[in-house]
Amino acid sequence: MVNVHITLAAMTSTASYPPQLPHMDMAQHLFGYVRHYHADLERQLGLVSNIHEPLTPSGWSAAELANHIFHMERRWILWGFHGQALPDVWGDWHDGRPGTRWFAPTVTLADAVAKLAQNLDMFETTLREHDLSESATTSGKFLESDPPQLSWIMLHVIDELARHLGQLDAALEFQRDPQAANPT
């Protein structure tokens, strides 16, 4: 159980890296990364002219990406770590079937930002109430006898956030300059 509350001034920096304060423990650092990536995602979503317009050759939109991130984070923390049943555990996939197309028919930019803010509260509460070495429950996503620790889950979520932010960054670059996607 750690205190993940970090000063607002440290967390609202426009720096390209999360805050690194000398008194922060590992849970605070991990939460800082999630919060930083959420702020970057919100900034990048604001640059998209139409969040429902496909941004990539595979056809996903910024709304679908934001909806995927919202559900992915809940899958790993609520269903995975806490073992909570989620009625919409695969709500980011068409027809709720993993492996199909991402899905976000009615998500607005404001909806996406509000949902991601809910997830920040979820991360903060989880990191405040649980130690990073604590293993996930075996009643949700992880039914095996050796489920991952919270630290592993947090690093996996941060990795997935970074990957998707890179995809969105590249898609926005191609949107600004379509020739960038096909240099001659």
C-alpha atoms as a PDB file:
ATOM      1  CA  MET A   1       0.000   0.000   0.000  1.00  0.00           C
ATOM      2  CA  VAL A   2       1.622   3.188  -1.180  1.00  0.00           C
ATOM      3  CA  ASN A   3       0.647   6.785  -1.573  1.00  0.00           C
ATOM      4  CA  VAL A   4       0.283   7.413  -5.303  1.00  0.00           C
ATOM      5  CA  HIS A   5      -0.843  10.994  -4.906  1.00  0.00           C
ATOM      6  CA  ILE A   6       1.593  13.173  -6.806  1.00  0.00           C
ATOM      7  CA  THR A   7       1.498  16.942  -6.791  1.00  0.00           C
ATOM      8  CA  LEU A   8      -0.688  18.387  -9.517  1.00  0.00           C
ATOM      9  CA  ALA A   9       2.141  20.623 -10.700  1.00  0.00           C
ATOM     10  CA  ALA A  10       4.339  17.604 -11.306  1.00  0.00           C
ATOM     11  CA  MET A  11       1.627  15.745 -13.192  1.00  0.00           C
ATOM     12  CA  THR A  12       0.469  18.547 -15.485  1.00  0.00           C
ATOM     13  CA  SER A  13       3.866  19.220 -16.982  1.00  0.00           C
ATOM     14  CA  THR A  14       4.020  19.431 -20.758  1.00  0.00           C
ATOM     15  CA  ALA A  15       7.420  17.731 -20.724  1.00  0.00           C
ATOM     16  CA  SER A  16       7.857  14.770 -23.035  1.00  0.00           C
ATOM     17  CA  TYR A  17       8.571  12.434 -20.112  1.00  0.00           C
ATOM     18  CA  PRO A  18       6.632  11.619 -16.946  1.00  0.00           C
ATOM     19  CA  PRO A  19       7.769  13.402 -13.784  1.00  0.00           C
ATOM     20  CA  GLN A  20      10.715  11.987 -11.895  1.00  0.00           C
ATOM     21  CA  LEU A  21      10.679  13.312  -8.384  1.00  0.00           C
ATOM     22  CA  PRO A  22      13.244  12.052  -5.869  1.00  0.00           C
ATOM     23  CA  HIS A  23      10.644  11.004  -3.306  1.00  0.00           C
ATOM     24  CA  MET A  24       8.565   8.869  -5.700  1.00  0.00           C
ATOM     25  CA  ASP A  25       8.389   5.118  -5.162  1.00  0.00           C
ATOM     26  CA  MET A  26       7.871   2.602  -7.979  1.00  0.00           C
ATOM     27  CA  ALA A  27       4.056   2.654  -7.781  1.00  0.00           C
ATOM     28  CA  GLN A  28       4.116   6.434  -8.130  1.00  0.00           C
ATOM     29  CA  HIS A  29       6.450   6.163 -11.123  1.00  0.00           C
ATOM     30  CA  LEU A  30       4.191   3.622 -12.815  1.00  0.00           C
ATOM     31  CA  PHE A  31       1.115   5.729 -12.136  1.00  0.00           C
ATOM     32  CA  GLY A  32       3.031   8.746 -13.471  1.00  0.00           C
ATOM     33  CA  TYR A  33       3.653   6.922 -16.744  1.00  0.00           C
ATOM     34  CA  VAL A  34      -0.007   5.921 -17.129  1.00  0.00           C
ATOM     35  CA  ARG A  35      -1.142   9.450 -16.349  1.00  0.00           C
ATOM     36  CA  HIS A  36       1.451  10.923 -18.740  1.00  0.00           C
ATOM     37  CA  TYR A  37       0.379   8.608 -21.558  1.00  0.00           C
ATOM     38  CA  HIS A  38      -3.277   9.430 -20.944  1.00  0.00           C
ATOM     39  CA  ALA A  39      -2.478  13.160 -21.219  1.00  0.00           C
ATOM     40  CA  ASP A  40      -0.564  12.496 -24.441  1.00  0.00           C
ATOM     41  CA  LEU A  41      -3.457  10.415 -25.798  1.00  0.00           C
ATOM     42  CA  GLU A  42      -5.917  13.191 -24.977  1.00  0.00           C
ATOM     43  CA  ARG A  43      -3.658  15.723 -26.718  1.00  0.00           C
ATOM     44  CA  GLN A  44      -3.304  13.529 -29.802  1.00  0.00           C
ATOM     45  CA  LEU A  45      -7.041  12.792 -29.957  1.00  0.00           C
ATOM     46  CA  GLY A  46      -7.617  16.550 -30.004  1.00  0.00           C
ATOM     47  CA  LEU A  47      -5.514  16.775 -33.177  1.00  0.00           C
ATOM     48  CA  VAL A  48      -7.702  14.342 -35.110  1.00  0.00           C
ATOM     49  CA  SER A  49     -10.116  16.116 -37.444  1.00  0.00           C
ATOM     50  CA  ASN A  50     -12.760  13.371 -37.250  1.00  0.00           C
ATOM     51  CA  ILE A  51     -12.297  10.717 -34.562  1.00  0.00           C
ATOM     52  CA  HIS A  52     -14.490   8.251 -36.506  1.00  0.00           C
ATOM     53  CA  GLU A  53     -12.543   8.546 -39.766  1.00  0.00           C
ATOM     54  CA  PRO A  54     -10.190   5.636 -40.463  1.00  0.00           C
ATOM     55  CA  LEU A  55      -6.572   6.627 -39.838  1.00  0.00           C
ATOM     56  CA  THR A  56      -4.763   3.506 -41.004  1.00  0.00           C
ATOM     57  CA  PRO A  57      -4.918   1.076 -43.930  1.00  0.00           C
ATOM     58  CA  SER A  58      -6.459  -1.481 -41.547  1.00  0.00           C
ATOM     59  CA  GLY A  59      -9.271   0.997 -40.999  1.00  0.00           C
ATOM     60  CA  TRP A  60      -9.195   1.777 -37.281  1.00  0.00           C
ATOM     61  CA  SER A  61     -10.218   5.237 -36.143  1.00  0.00           C
ATOM     62  CA  ALA A  62      -9.044   7.337 -33.208  1.00  0.00           C
ATOM     63  CA  ALA A  63     -12.384   6.640 -31.488  1.00  0.00           C
ATOM     64  CA  GLU A  64     -11.818   2.899 -31.854  1.00  0.00           C
ATOM     65  CA  LEU A  65      -8.270   3.201 -30.507  1.00  0.00           C
ATOM     66  CA  ALA A  66      -9.419   5.235 -27.475  1.00  0.00           C
ATOM     67  CA  ASN A  67     -12.251   2.758 -26.827  1.00  0.00           C
ATOM     68  CA  HIS A  68      -9.779  -0.126 -27.109  1.00  0.00           C
ATOM     69  CA  ILE A  69      -7.416   1.500 -24.582  1.00  0.00           C
ATOM     70  CA  PHE A  70     -10.299   2.108 -22.154  1.00  0.00           C
ATOM     71  CA  HIS A  71     -11.385  -1.548 -22.306  1.00  0.00           C
ATOM     72  CA  MET A  72      -7.840  -2.954 -22.373  1.00  0.00           C
ATOM     73  CA  GLU A  73      -6.953  -1.139 -19.145  1.00  0.00           C
ATOM     74  CA  ARG A  74     -10.147  -2.355 -17.436  1.00  0.00           C
ATOM     75  CA  ARG A  75      -9.482  -5.918 -18.615  1.00  0.00           C
ATOM     76  CA  TRP A  76      -6.034  -5.937 -17.049  1.00  0.00           C
ATOM     77  CA  ILE A  77      -6.860  -4.147 -13.774  1.00  0.00           C
ATOM     78  CA  LEU A  78     -10.501  -4.885 -12.921  1.00  0.00           C
ATOM     79  CA  TRP A  79     -10.975  -8.285 -14.568  1.00  0.00           C
ATOM     80  CA  GLY A  80      -7.330  -9.389 -14.471  1.00  0.00           C
ATOM     81  CA  PHE A  81      -5.937  -8.144 -11.182  1.00  0.00           C
ATOM     82  CA  HIS A  82      -9.129  -7.766  -9.107  1.00  0.00           C
ATOM     83  CA  GLY A  83     -11.094 -10.625 -10.697  1.00  0.00           C
ATOM     84  CA  GLN A  84     -14.207  -8.503 -11.181  1.00  0.00           C
ATOM     85  CA  ALA A  85     -16.774  -9.667 -13.703  1.00  0.00           C
ATOM     86  CA  LEU A  86     -17.147  -7.072 -16.453  1.00  0.00           C
ATOM     87  CA  PRO A  87     -20.291  -7.270 -18.611  1.00  0.00           C
ATOM     88  CA  ASP A  88     -18.459  -5.480 -21.424  1.00  0.00           C
ATOM     89  CA  VAL A  89     -15.027  -7.082 -20.981  1.00  0.00           C
ATOM     90  CA  TRP A  90     -14.627  -7.243 -24.790  1.00  0.00           C
ATOM     91  CA  GLY A  91     -16.629  -4.060 -25.470  1.00  0.00           C
ATOM     92  CA  ASP A  92     -13.909  -2.702 -27.747  1.00  0.00           C
ATOM     93  CA  TRP A  93     -14.281  -5.558 -30.229  1.00  0.00           C
ATOM     94  CA  HIS A  94     -17.097  -5.846 -32.787  1.00  0.00           C
ATOM     95  CA  ASP A  95     -19.829  -8.103 -31.382  1.00  0.00           C
ATOM     96  CA  GLY A  96     -17.709  -8.513 -28.225  1.00  0.00           C
ATOM     97  CA  ARG A  97     -15.505 -11.091 -29.948  1.00  0.00           C
ATOM     98  CA  PRO A  98     -11.737 -10.679 -29.520  1.00  0.00           C
ATOM     99  CA  GLY A  99      -9.856 -10.704 -32.793  1.00  0.00           C
ATOM    100  CA  THR A 100     -12.585  -8.943 -34.749  1.00  0.00           C
ATOM    101  CA  ARG A 101     -12.432  -5.261 -35.676  1.00  0.00           C
ATOM    102  CA  TRP A 102     -12.228  -2.646 -32.940  1.00  0.00           C
ATOM    103  CA  PHE A 103     -15.561  -1.017 -32.323  1.00  0.00           C
ATOM    104  CA  ALA A 104     -16.689   2.450 -31.145  1.00  0.00           C
ATOM    105  CA  PRO A 105     -19.868   3.500 -32.950  1.00  0.00           C
ATOM    106  CA  THR A 106     -20.957   6.362 -30.698  1.00  0.00           C
ATOM    107  CA  VAL A 107     -17.806   7.442 -28.845  1.00  0.00           C
ATOM    108  CA  THR A 108     -17.165  11.174 -28.901  1.00  0.00           C
ATOM    109  CA  LEU A 109     -13.926  12.891 -27.955  1.00  0.00           C
ATOM    110  CA  ALA A 110     -15.527  13.996 -24.673  1.00  0.00           C
ATOM    111  CA  ASP A 111     -16.700  10.400 -24.006  1.00  0.00           C
ATOM    112  CA  ALA A 112     -13.215   9.022 -24.645  1.00  0.00           C
ATOM    113  CA  VAL A 113     -11.554  11.558 -22.354  1.00  0.00           C
ATOM    114  CA  ALA A 114     -14.115  10.950 -19.571  1.00  0.00           C
ATOM    115  CA  LYS A 115     -13.699   7.158 -19.788  1.00  0.00           C
ATOM    116  CA  LEU A 116      -9.925   7.426 -19.641  1.00  0.00           C
ATOM    117  CA  ALA A 117     -10.236   9.711 -16.584  1.00  0.00           C
ATOM    118  CA  GLN A 118     -12.298   6.971 -14.881  1.00  0.00           C
ATOM    119  CA  ASN A 119      -9.471   4.559 -15.568  1.00  0.00           C
ATOM    120  CA  LEU A 120      -6.956   6.921 -13.952  1.00  0.00           C
ATOM    121  CA  ASP A 121      -9.046   6.762 -10.773  1.00  0.00           C
ATOM    122  CA  MET A 122      -9.059   2.962 -11.067  1.00  0.00           C
ATOM    123  CA  PHE A 123      -5.245   2.871 -11.375  1.00  0.00           C
ATOM    124  CA  GLU A 124      -4.765   5.301  -8.490  1.00  0.00           C
ATOM    125  CA  THR A 125      -7.044   3.327  -6.170  1.00  0.00           C
ATOM    126  CA  THR A 126      -5.483  -0.010  -7.103  1.00  0.00           C
ATOM    127  CA  LEU A 127      -1.938   1.241  -6.592  1.00  0.00           C
ATOM    128  CA  ARG A 128      -2.845   2.907  -3.305  1.00  0.00           C
ATOM    129  CA  GLU A 129      -4.549  -0.181  -1.888  1.00  0.00           C
ATOM    130  CA  HIS A 130      -2.263  -2.953  -3.206  1.00  0.00           C
ATOM    131  CA  ASP A 131       1.428  -3.693  -3.204  1.00  0.00           C
ATOM    132  CA  LEU A 132       3.159  -4.105  -6.567  1.00  0.00           C
ATOM    133  CA  SER A 133       4.320  -7.589  -5.539  1.00  0.00           C
ATOM    134  CA  GLU A 134       0.727  -8.745  -4.954  1.00  0.00           C
ATOM    135  CA  SER A 135      -0.468 -11.382  -7.419  1.00  0.00           C
ATOM    136  CA  ALA A 136      -3.665 -11.097  -9.418  1.00  0.00           C
ATOM    137  CA  THR A 137      -6.671 -13.049  -8.281  1.00  0.00           C
ATOM    138  CA  THR A 138      -7.374 -16.370  -9.968  1.00  0.00           C
ATOM    139  CA  SER A 139     -11.094 -15.700 -10.354  1.00  0.00           C
ATOM    140  CA  GLY A 140     -11.044 -13.382 -13.355  1.00  0.00           C
ATOM    141  CA  LYS A 141      -8.797 -13.230 -16.383  1.00  0.00           C
ATOM    142  CA  PHE A 142      -6.145 -15.422 -14.779  1.00  0.00           C
ATOM    143  CA  LEU A 143      -7.413 -18.854 -13.839  1.00  0.00           C
ATOM    144  CA  GLU A 144      -3.991 -20.485 -13.592  1.00  0.00           C
ATOM    145  CA  SER A 145      -2.268 -21.142 -10.305  1.00  0.00           C
ATOM    146  CA  ASP A 146       0.536 -18.609 -10.868  1.00  0.00           C
ATOM    147  CA  PRO A 147      -1.052 -15.304 -11.937  1.00  0.00           C
ATOM    148  CA  PRO A 148       1.135 -12.259 -12.635  1.00  0.00           C
ATOM    149  CA  GLN A 149       1.958  -9.648 -10.040  1.00  0.00           C
ATOM    150  CA  LEU A 150       0.516  -6.140 -10.153  1.00  0.00           C
ATOM    151  CA  SER A 151       3.941  -4.807 -11.197  1.00  0.00           C
ATOM    152  CA  TRP A 152       3.940  -7.042 -14.302  1.00  0.00           C
ATOM    153  CA  ILE A 153       0.370  -6.040 -15.158  1.00  0.00           C
ATOM    154  CA  MET A 154       1.233  -2.348 -14.825  1.00  0.00           C
ATOM    155  CA  LEU A 155       4.288  -2.721 -17.065  1.00  0.00           C
ATOM    156  CA  HIS A 156       2.213  -4.604 -19.648  1.00  0.00           C
ATOM    157  CA  VAL A 157      -0.441  -1.861 -19.672  1.00  0.00           C
ATOM    158  CA  ILE A 158       2.240   0.850 -19.976  1.00  0.00           C
ATOM    159  CA  ASP A 159       3.833  -1.068 -22.868  1.00  0.00           C
ATOM    160  CA  GLU A 160       0.505  -1.341 -24.662  1.00  0.00           C
ATOM    161  CA  LEU A 161      -0.235   2.354 -24.089  1.00  0.00           C
ATOM    162  CA  ALA A 162       3.161   3.331 -25.519  1.00  0.00           C
ATOM    163  CA  ARG A 163       2.671   1.085 -28.558  1.00  0.00           C
ATOM    164  CA  HIS A 164      -0.767   2.494 -29.350  1.00  0.00           C
ATOM    165  CA  LEU A 165       0.372   6.080 -28.841  1.00  0.00           C
ATOM    166  CA  GLY A 166       3.146   5.428 -31.362  1.00  0.00           C
ATOM    167  CA  GLN A 167       0.581   4.071 -33.822  1.00  0.00           C
ATOM    168  CA  LEU A 168      -1.617   7.130 -33.334  1.00  0.00           C
ATOM    169  CA  ASP A 169       1.371   9.447 -33.708  1.00  0.00           C
ATOM    170  CA  ALA A 170       2.327   7.810 -37.023  1.00  0.00           C
ATOM    171  CA  ALA A 171      -1.285   7.864 -38.252  1.00  0.00           C
ATOM    172  CA  LEU A 172      -1.533  11.590 -37.453  1.00  0.00           C
ATOM    173  CA  GLU A 173       1.707  12.242 -39.321  1.00  0.00           C
ATOM    174  CA  PHE A 174       0.300  10.475 -42.382  1.00  0.00           C
ATOM    175  CA  GLN A 175      -2.948  12.417 -42.013  1.00  0.00           C
ATOM    176  CA  ARG A 176      -1.030  15.714 -42.030  1.00  0.00           C
ATOM    177  CA  ASP A 177       1.175  14.646 -44.948  1.00  0.00           C
ATOM    178  CA  PRO A 178      -0.210  11.746 -46.997  1.00  0.00           C
ATOM    179  CA  GLN A 179       3.045  11.600 -48.981  1.00  0.00           C
ATOM    180  CA  ALA A 180       4.880  10.665 -45.789  1.00  0.00           C
ATOM    181  CA  ALA A 181       3.209   7.248 -45.940  1.00  0.00           C
ATOM    182  CA  ASN A 182       4.482   6.604 -49.488  1.00  0.00           C
ATOM    183  CA  PRO A 183       7.800   8.368 -50.063  1.00  0.00           C
ATOM    184  CA  THR A 184       9.082   8.091 -53.629  1.00  0.00           C
END
